[in-house]
N, C-alpha and C. Protein backbone atom coordinates (compact mmCIF):
# COMPACT_ATOMS: atom_id res chain seq x y z
N UNK A 1 73.65 94.85 1.44
CA UNK A 1 74.02 96.25 1.29
C UNK A 1 72.89 97.13 1.83
N UNK A 2 73.22 98.10 2.62
CA UNK A 2 72.24 98.97 3.26
C UNK A 2 71.79 100.11 2.34
N UNK A 3 70.54 100.49 2.46
CA UNK A 3 69.99 101.61 1.69
C UNK A 3 70.07 102.92 2.46
N UNK A 4 70.50 102.88 3.71
CA UNK A 4 70.43 104.05 4.58
C UNK A 4 71.55 105.05 4.31
N UNK A 5 71.19 106.34 4.35
CA UNK A 5 72.18 107.42 4.19
C UNK A 5 72.81 107.79 5.53
N UNK A 6 72.10 107.49 6.60
CA UNK A 6 72.66 107.72 7.95
C UNK A 6 72.22 106.59 8.85
N UNK A 7 73.01 106.34 9.84
CA UNK A 7 72.77 105.21 10.73
C UNK A 7 72.18 105.68 12.06
N UNK A 8 71.31 104.89 12.59
CA UNK A 8 70.74 105.13 13.91
C UNK A 8 70.42 103.77 14.51
N UNK A 9 69.96 103.78 15.73
CA UNK A 9 69.59 102.53 16.39
C UNK A 9 68.10 102.56 16.71
N UNK A 10 67.50 101.40 16.93
CA UNK A 10 66.10 101.39 17.36
C UNK A 10 65.90 102.22 18.64
N UNK A 11 66.86 102.18 19.53
CA UNK A 11 66.75 102.94 20.78
C UNK A 11 66.73 104.46 20.52
N UNK A 12 67.55 104.92 19.59
CA UNK A 12 67.55 106.34 19.25
C UNK A 12 66.24 106.75 18.59
N UNK A 13 65.71 105.90 17.71
CA UNK A 13 64.41 106.18 17.10
C UNK A 13 63.33 106.23 18.16
N UNK A 14 63.40 105.28 19.09
CA UNK A 14 62.42 105.23 20.17
C UNK A 14 62.45 106.51 20.99
N UNK A 15 63.63 107.01 21.26
CA UNK A 15 63.78 108.24 22.04
C UNK A 15 63.14 109.42 21.30
N UNK A 16 63.30 109.48 19.97
CA UNK A 16 62.69 110.56 19.19
C UNK A 16 61.17 110.51 19.27
N UNK A 17 60.60 109.33 19.41
CA UNK A 17 59.15 109.16 19.39
C UNK A 17 58.51 109.18 20.78
N UNK A 18 59.31 109.30 21.82
CA UNK A 18 58.79 109.18 23.19
C UNK A 18 57.64 110.13 23.49
N UNK A 19 57.76 111.39 23.16
CA UNK A 19 56.73 112.38 23.49
C UNK A 19 55.82 112.69 22.31
N UNK A 20 55.51 111.66 21.54
CA UNK A 20 54.63 111.83 20.38
C UNK A 20 53.50 110.80 20.49
N UNK A 21 52.65 110.77 19.49
CA UNK A 21 51.56 109.80 19.47
C UNK A 21 52.10 108.38 19.62
N UNK A 22 53.20 108.09 18.97
CA UNK A 22 53.78 106.76 19.03
C UNK A 22 54.09 106.34 20.45
N UNK A 23 54.66 107.24 21.21
CA UNK A 23 54.96 106.94 22.60
C UNK A 23 53.72 106.69 23.42
N UNK A 24 52.67 107.44 23.15
CA UNK A 24 51.42 107.30 23.91
C UNK A 24 50.72 105.97 23.66
N UNK A 25 50.88 105.41 22.46
CA UNK A 25 50.19 104.15 22.17
C UNK A 25 51.10 102.93 22.34
N UNK A 26 52.33 103.15 22.77
CA UNK A 26 53.22 102.03 23.05
C UNK A 26 53.97 101.47 21.87
N UNK A 27 54.04 102.21 20.77
CA UNK A 27 54.77 101.76 19.59
C UNK A 27 56.26 101.70 19.92
N UNK A 28 56.92 100.63 19.50
CA UNK A 28 58.35 100.47 19.73
C UNK A 28 59.05 100.08 18.44
N UNK A 29 60.10 100.80 18.10
CA UNK A 29 60.95 100.41 16.99
C UNK A 29 61.87 99.32 17.52
N UNK A 30 61.86 98.16 16.86
CA UNK A 30 62.60 97.02 17.39
C UNK A 30 63.80 96.60 16.55
N UNK A 31 63.80 96.95 15.27
CA UNK A 31 64.87 96.45 14.41
C UNK A 31 65.03 97.34 13.19
N UNK A 32 66.28 97.52 12.79
CA UNK A 32 66.60 98.20 11.54
C UNK A 32 67.48 97.24 10.75
N UNK A 33 66.95 96.77 9.62
CA UNK A 33 67.71 95.86 8.77
C UNK A 33 68.34 96.64 7.63
N UNK A 34 68.97 95.96 6.68
CA UNK A 34 69.63 96.67 5.58
C UNK A 34 68.67 97.42 4.67
N UNK A 35 67.37 96.99 4.64
CA UNK A 35 66.38 97.67 3.78
C UNK A 35 65.00 97.69 4.42
N UNK A 36 64.92 97.63 5.75
CA UNK A 36 63.62 97.66 6.40
C UNK A 36 63.74 98.23 7.81
N UNK A 37 62.58 98.70 8.29
CA UNK A 37 62.43 99.14 9.68
C UNK A 37 61.27 98.34 10.25
N UNK A 38 61.46 97.79 11.45
CA UNK A 38 60.44 96.96 12.07
C UNK A 38 60.11 97.51 13.46
N UNK A 39 58.82 97.40 13.81
CA UNK A 39 58.39 97.85 15.12
C UNK A 39 57.14 97.11 15.57
N UNK A 40 56.85 97.24 16.85
CA UNK A 40 55.69 96.57 17.43
C UNK A 40 54.75 97.57 18.07
N UNK A 41 53.52 97.13 18.26
CA UNK A 41 52.50 97.93 18.92
C UNK A 41 51.59 96.98 19.70
N UNK A 42 51.29 97.32 20.95
CA UNK A 42 50.38 96.47 21.72
C UNK A 42 48.94 96.62 21.25
N UNK A 43 48.19 95.56 21.38
CA UNK A 43 46.74 95.61 21.15
C UNK A 43 46.13 95.66 22.54
N UNK A 44 45.85 96.88 23.00
CA UNK A 44 45.32 97.09 24.35
C UNK A 44 44.34 98.26 24.33
N UNK A 45 43.96 98.75 25.51
CA UNK A 45 42.95 99.81 25.60
C UNK A 45 43.35 101.07 24.83
N UNK A 46 44.64 101.29 24.61
CA UNK A 46 45.10 102.48 23.87
C UNK A 46 44.91 102.34 22.37
N UNK A 47 44.87 101.11 21.88
CA UNK A 47 44.87 100.90 20.43
C UNK A 47 43.63 100.18 19.90
N UNK A 48 42.72 99.82 20.78
CA UNK A 48 41.50 99.13 20.35
C UNK A 48 40.36 100.11 20.08
N UNK A 49 39.46 99.73 19.21
CA UNK A 49 38.23 100.47 18.99
C UNK A 49 37.19 99.97 20.00
N UNK A 50 36.05 100.64 20.13
CA UNK A 50 35.06 100.26 21.15
C UNK A 50 34.55 98.82 21.06
N UNK A 51 34.71 98.17 19.92
CA UNK A 51 34.23 96.81 19.75
C UNK A 51 35.28 95.76 20.13
N UNK A 52 36.40 96.21 20.68
CA UNK A 52 37.41 95.29 21.19
C UNK A 52 38.45 94.81 20.19
N UNK A 53 38.45 95.37 19.01
CA UNK A 53 39.43 94.97 17.99
C UNK A 53 40.43 96.11 17.78
N UNK A 54 41.58 95.76 17.26
CA UNK A 54 42.60 96.76 16.95
C UNK A 54 42.01 97.82 16.03
N UNK A 55 42.16 99.06 16.40
CA UNK A 55 41.62 100.19 15.65
C UNK A 55 42.40 100.38 14.35
N UNK A 56 41.69 100.57 13.26
CA UNK A 56 42.35 100.80 11.97
C UNK A 56 43.27 101.99 12.00
N UNK A 57 42.89 103.03 12.75
CA UNK A 57 43.74 104.21 12.87
C UNK A 57 45.06 103.90 13.55
N UNK A 58 45.04 102.98 14.51
CA UNK A 58 46.28 102.58 15.17
C UNK A 58 47.20 101.87 14.18
N UNK A 59 46.62 101.03 13.31
CA UNK A 59 47.42 100.41 12.25
C UNK A 59 48.08 101.47 11.38
N UNK A 60 47.33 102.50 11.05
CA UNK A 60 47.86 103.56 10.19
C UNK A 60 48.98 104.33 10.89
N UNK A 61 48.83 104.57 12.19
CA UNK A 61 49.90 105.24 12.94
C UNK A 61 51.16 104.39 12.90
N UNK A 62 51.04 103.09 13.15
CA UNK A 62 52.20 102.20 13.09
C UNK A 62 52.83 102.24 11.71
N UNK A 63 52.03 102.13 10.68
CA UNK A 63 52.54 102.14 9.30
C UNK A 63 53.24 103.45 8.97
N UNK A 64 52.61 104.56 9.30
CA UNK A 64 53.22 105.85 8.95
C UNK A 64 54.49 106.11 9.72
N UNK A 65 54.52 105.73 10.98
CA UNK A 65 55.72 105.95 11.78
C UNK A 65 56.90 105.15 11.22
N UNK A 66 56.70 103.86 10.97
CA UNK A 66 57.79 103.04 10.46
C UNK A 66 58.23 103.48 9.07
N UNK A 67 57.27 103.76 8.19
CA UNK A 67 57.61 104.22 6.85
C UNK A 67 58.31 105.57 6.85
N UNK A 68 57.89 106.46 7.72
CA UNK A 68 58.52 107.78 7.80
C UNK A 68 59.94 107.70 8.32
N UNK A 69 60.14 106.85 9.34
CA UNK A 69 61.50 106.65 9.83
C UNK A 69 62.39 106.16 8.70
N UNK A 70 61.93 105.13 7.99
CA UNK A 70 62.72 104.59 6.89
C UNK A 70 62.97 105.60 5.80
N UNK A 71 61.93 106.34 5.43
CA UNK A 71 62.08 107.35 4.36
C UNK A 71 63.14 108.38 4.71
N UNK A 72 63.11 108.85 5.94
CA UNK A 72 64.08 109.87 6.34
C UNK A 72 65.49 109.32 6.47
N UNK A 73 65.62 108.04 6.82
CA UNK A 73 66.95 107.43 6.89
C UNK A 73 67.58 107.25 5.51
N UNK A 74 66.75 107.30 4.45
CA UNK A 74 67.26 107.19 3.08
C UNK A 74 67.73 108.53 2.52
N UNK A 75 67.61 109.57 3.31
CA UNK A 75 67.96 110.91 2.85
C UNK A 75 69.11 111.48 3.67
N UNK A 76 69.91 112.32 3.05
CA UNK A 76 70.93 113.06 3.79
C UNK A 76 70.20 114.12 4.60
N UNK A 77 70.26 114.04 5.94
CA UNK A 77 69.49 114.98 6.78
C UNK A 77 69.92 116.43 6.64
N UNK A 78 71.07 116.68 6.04
CA UNK A 78 71.51 118.06 5.81
C UNK A 78 70.91 118.64 4.53
N UNK A 79 70.36 117.76 3.69
CA UNK A 79 69.86 118.19 2.39
C UNK A 79 68.35 118.13 2.24
N UNK A 80 67.70 117.13 2.87
CA UNK A 80 66.27 116.94 2.62
C UNK A 80 65.62 116.18 3.77
N UNK A 81 64.29 116.21 3.78
CA UNK A 81 63.51 115.43 4.73
C UNK A 81 62.25 114.94 4.03
N UNK A 82 61.65 113.89 4.60
CA UNK A 82 60.46 113.29 4.00
C UNK A 82 59.25 113.61 4.84
N UNK A 83 58.14 113.92 4.17
CA UNK A 83 56.86 114.16 4.85
C UNK A 83 55.77 113.34 4.16
N UNK A 84 54.81 112.89 4.96
CA UNK A 84 53.73 112.08 4.42
C UNK A 84 52.93 112.83 3.38
N UNK A 85 52.63 112.15 2.28
CA UNK A 85 51.84 112.72 1.20
C UNK A 85 50.50 111.98 1.09
N UNK A 86 50.55 110.65 1.24
CA UNK A 86 49.33 109.83 1.15
C UNK A 86 49.60 108.50 1.83
N UNK A 87 48.58 107.97 2.49
CA UNK A 87 48.69 106.65 3.09
C UNK A 87 47.37 105.92 2.91
N UNK A 88 47.45 104.62 2.67
CA UNK A 88 46.25 103.81 2.65
C UNK A 88 46.52 102.54 3.44
N UNK A 89 45.47 101.91 3.86
CA UNK A 89 45.62 100.68 4.64
C UNK A 89 44.43 99.76 4.37
N UNK A 90 44.73 98.51 4.15
CA UNK A 90 43.70 97.49 4.04
C UNK A 90 43.79 96.63 5.29
N UNK A 91 42.71 96.65 6.07
CA UNK A 91 42.65 95.90 7.32
C UNK A 91 42.08 94.53 6.99
N UNK A 92 42.91 93.50 7.10
CA UNK A 92 42.57 92.17 6.60
C UNK A 92 42.14 91.19 7.68
N UNK A 93 42.52 91.44 8.91
CA UNK A 93 42.22 90.49 9.99
C UNK A 93 42.01 91.28 11.27
N UNK A 94 40.96 90.95 11.98
CA UNK A 94 40.71 91.57 13.28
C UNK A 94 41.65 91.00 14.32
N UNK A 95 42.25 91.87 15.11
CA UNK A 95 43.16 91.44 16.17
C UNK A 95 42.59 91.95 17.48
N UNK A 96 42.48 91.07 18.48
CA UNK A 96 41.85 91.46 19.74
C UNK A 96 42.80 91.49 20.93
N UNK A 97 43.99 90.94 20.78
CA UNK A 97 44.93 90.94 21.91
C UNK A 97 46.34 90.72 21.40
N UNK A 98 47.29 90.87 22.30
CA UNK A 98 48.69 90.60 21.97
C UNK A 98 49.41 91.81 21.43
N UNK A 99 50.26 91.56 20.48
CA UNK A 99 51.10 92.59 19.87
C UNK A 99 51.09 92.39 18.36
N UNK A 100 51.10 93.47 17.63
CA UNK A 100 51.28 93.38 16.18
C UNK A 100 52.66 93.91 15.83
N UNK A 101 53.20 93.40 14.74
CA UNK A 101 54.53 93.80 14.27
C UNK A 101 54.42 94.34 12.86
N UNK A 102 54.96 95.53 12.66
CA UNK A 102 54.97 96.14 11.33
C UNK A 102 56.37 96.13 10.75
N UNK A 103 56.46 95.87 9.45
CA UNK A 103 57.74 95.90 8.75
C UNK A 103 57.58 96.81 7.53
N UNK A 104 58.38 97.86 7.47
CA UNK A 104 58.32 98.83 6.37
C UNK A 104 59.50 98.61 5.44
N UNK A 105 59.19 98.49 4.13
CA UNK A 105 60.22 98.32 3.11
C UNK A 105 59.90 99.27 1.94
N UNK A 106 60.93 99.82 1.31
CA UNK A 106 60.67 100.71 0.19
C UNK A 106 60.25 99.95 -1.07
N UNK A 107 59.34 100.57 -1.80
CA UNK A 107 58.93 100.09 -3.11
C UNK A 107 59.59 100.96 -4.18
N UNK A 108 59.73 102.25 -3.85
CA UNK A 108 60.31 103.23 -4.79
C UNK A 108 61.04 104.30 -3.98
N UNK A 109 62.28 104.55 -4.33
CA UNK A 109 63.08 105.60 -3.68
C UNK A 109 63.50 106.61 -4.74
N UNK A 110 62.63 107.58 -4.98
CA UNK A 110 62.91 108.58 -6.00
C UNK A 110 63.47 109.86 -5.42
N UNK A 111 63.79 110.81 -6.31
CA UNK A 111 64.32 112.10 -5.86
C UNK A 111 63.27 112.98 -5.22
N UNK A 112 62.02 112.88 -5.68
CA UNK A 112 60.98 113.76 -5.13
C UNK A 112 59.90 113.02 -4.35
N UNK A 113 59.80 111.70 -4.55
CA UNK A 113 58.85 110.90 -3.78
C UNK A 113 59.47 109.55 -3.44
N UNK A 114 58.90 108.96 -2.40
CA UNK A 114 59.23 107.59 -2.04
C UNK A 114 57.91 106.87 -1.77
N UNK A 115 57.89 105.57 -2.03
CA UNK A 115 56.72 104.75 -1.72
C UNK A 115 57.20 103.60 -0.84
N UNK A 116 56.49 103.40 0.27
CA UNK A 116 56.84 102.35 1.23
C UNK A 116 55.66 101.42 1.43
N UNK A 117 55.95 100.12 1.53
CA UNK A 117 54.94 99.12 1.86
C UNK A 117 55.18 98.69 3.30
N UNK A 118 54.11 98.67 4.08
CA UNK A 118 54.20 98.27 5.48
C UNK A 118 53.25 97.10 5.71
N UNK A 119 53.80 95.98 6.13
CA UNK A 119 53.03 94.78 6.43
C UNK A 119 52.91 94.67 7.95
N UNK A 120 51.69 94.56 8.44
CA UNK A 120 51.44 94.44 9.88
C UNK A 120 50.90 93.04 10.14
N UNK A 121 51.60 92.31 11.00
CA UNK A 121 51.26 90.91 11.26
C UNK A 121 50.97 90.66 12.74
N UNK A 122 50.19 89.61 12.97
CA UNK A 122 49.88 89.18 14.34
C UNK A 122 51.08 88.42 14.91
N UNK A 123 50.98 88.08 16.19
CA UNK A 123 52.03 87.28 16.81
C UNK A 123 52.19 85.92 16.13
N UNK A 124 51.12 85.41 15.51
CA UNK A 124 51.17 84.12 14.80
C UNK A 124 51.69 84.27 13.37
N UNK A 125 52.07 85.50 12.97
CA UNK A 125 52.58 85.72 11.62
C UNK A 125 51.51 85.91 10.57
N UNK A 126 50.25 86.09 10.99
CA UNK A 126 49.16 86.30 10.03
C UNK A 126 49.10 87.78 9.64
N UNK A 127 48.90 88.02 8.36
CA UNK A 127 48.81 89.38 7.86
C UNK A 127 47.51 90.03 8.35
N UNK A 128 47.62 91.08 9.14
CA UNK A 128 46.45 91.77 9.68
C UNK A 128 46.12 93.04 8.90
N UNK A 129 47.15 93.67 8.35
CA UNK A 129 46.96 94.92 7.62
C UNK A 129 48.12 95.09 6.66
N UNK A 130 47.81 95.65 5.49
CA UNK A 130 48.88 96.03 4.57
C UNK A 130 48.63 97.48 4.19
N UNK A 131 49.69 98.25 4.22
CA UNK A 131 49.57 99.69 4.02
C UNK A 131 50.61 100.15 3.01
N UNK A 132 50.29 101.24 2.32
CA UNK A 132 51.24 101.88 1.42
C UNK A 132 51.32 103.35 1.77
N UNK A 133 52.53 103.82 2.00
CA UNK A 133 52.80 105.21 2.35
C UNK A 133 53.60 105.87 1.24
N UNK A 134 53.11 107.01 0.78
CA UNK A 134 53.86 107.83 -0.17
C UNK A 134 54.33 109.07 0.56
N UNK A 135 55.61 109.36 0.45
CA UNK A 135 56.15 110.56 1.08
C UNK A 135 56.72 111.48 0.01
N UNK A 136 56.68 112.77 0.32
CA UNK A 136 57.32 113.77 -0.52
C UNK A 136 58.69 114.05 0.06
N UNK A 137 59.69 114.15 -0.81
CA UNK A 137 61.03 114.51 -0.39
C UNK A 137 61.15 116.01 -0.56
N UNK A 138 61.39 116.70 0.56
CA UNK A 138 61.45 118.16 0.56
C UNK A 138 62.89 118.60 0.75
N UNK A 139 63.37 119.42 -0.17
CA UNK A 139 64.73 119.93 -0.09
C UNK A 139 64.81 120.99 1.00
N UNK A 140 65.83 120.92 1.82
CA UNK A 140 65.99 121.92 2.89
C UNK A 140 66.38 123.29 2.32
N UNK A 141 66.92 123.31 1.11
CA UNK A 141 67.27 124.60 0.52
C UNK A 141 66.06 125.35 0.00
N UNK A 142 64.93 124.65 -0.19
CA UNK A 142 63.71 125.30 -0.69
C UNK A 142 62.74 125.67 0.42
N UNK A 143 63.08 125.32 1.67
CA UNK A 143 62.17 125.60 2.78
C UNK A 143 62.40 126.98 3.32
């Protein structure tokens, strides 16, 4: 059973992100499951820190993008939208090449807040980063 209030495709999400930070760093939304959003990001000159490892900030961009997409898909777009309130990330493994994959799943879907867990893994399936995103649900009638 799907948790989504509205349906979209990875291609439509990708189009929305084309002219944003996500597009510049090569982030791609690859899959929308019944309760998750998945995407990839290259580990290259755009996403590495000066020491040759995946930049922690790039992990956070991937996490926030996937979690935000998911959060907004859980809301009726005519009634409310989600905005980032807090994000944290634990960088567990240095990644120097290839692609990382992030999977965002909800932990809590409340009326005024949502909490999302985003797991970022290497191509070998090793956990490289785990992040938690809290979003505020903003009513369009109060804006």
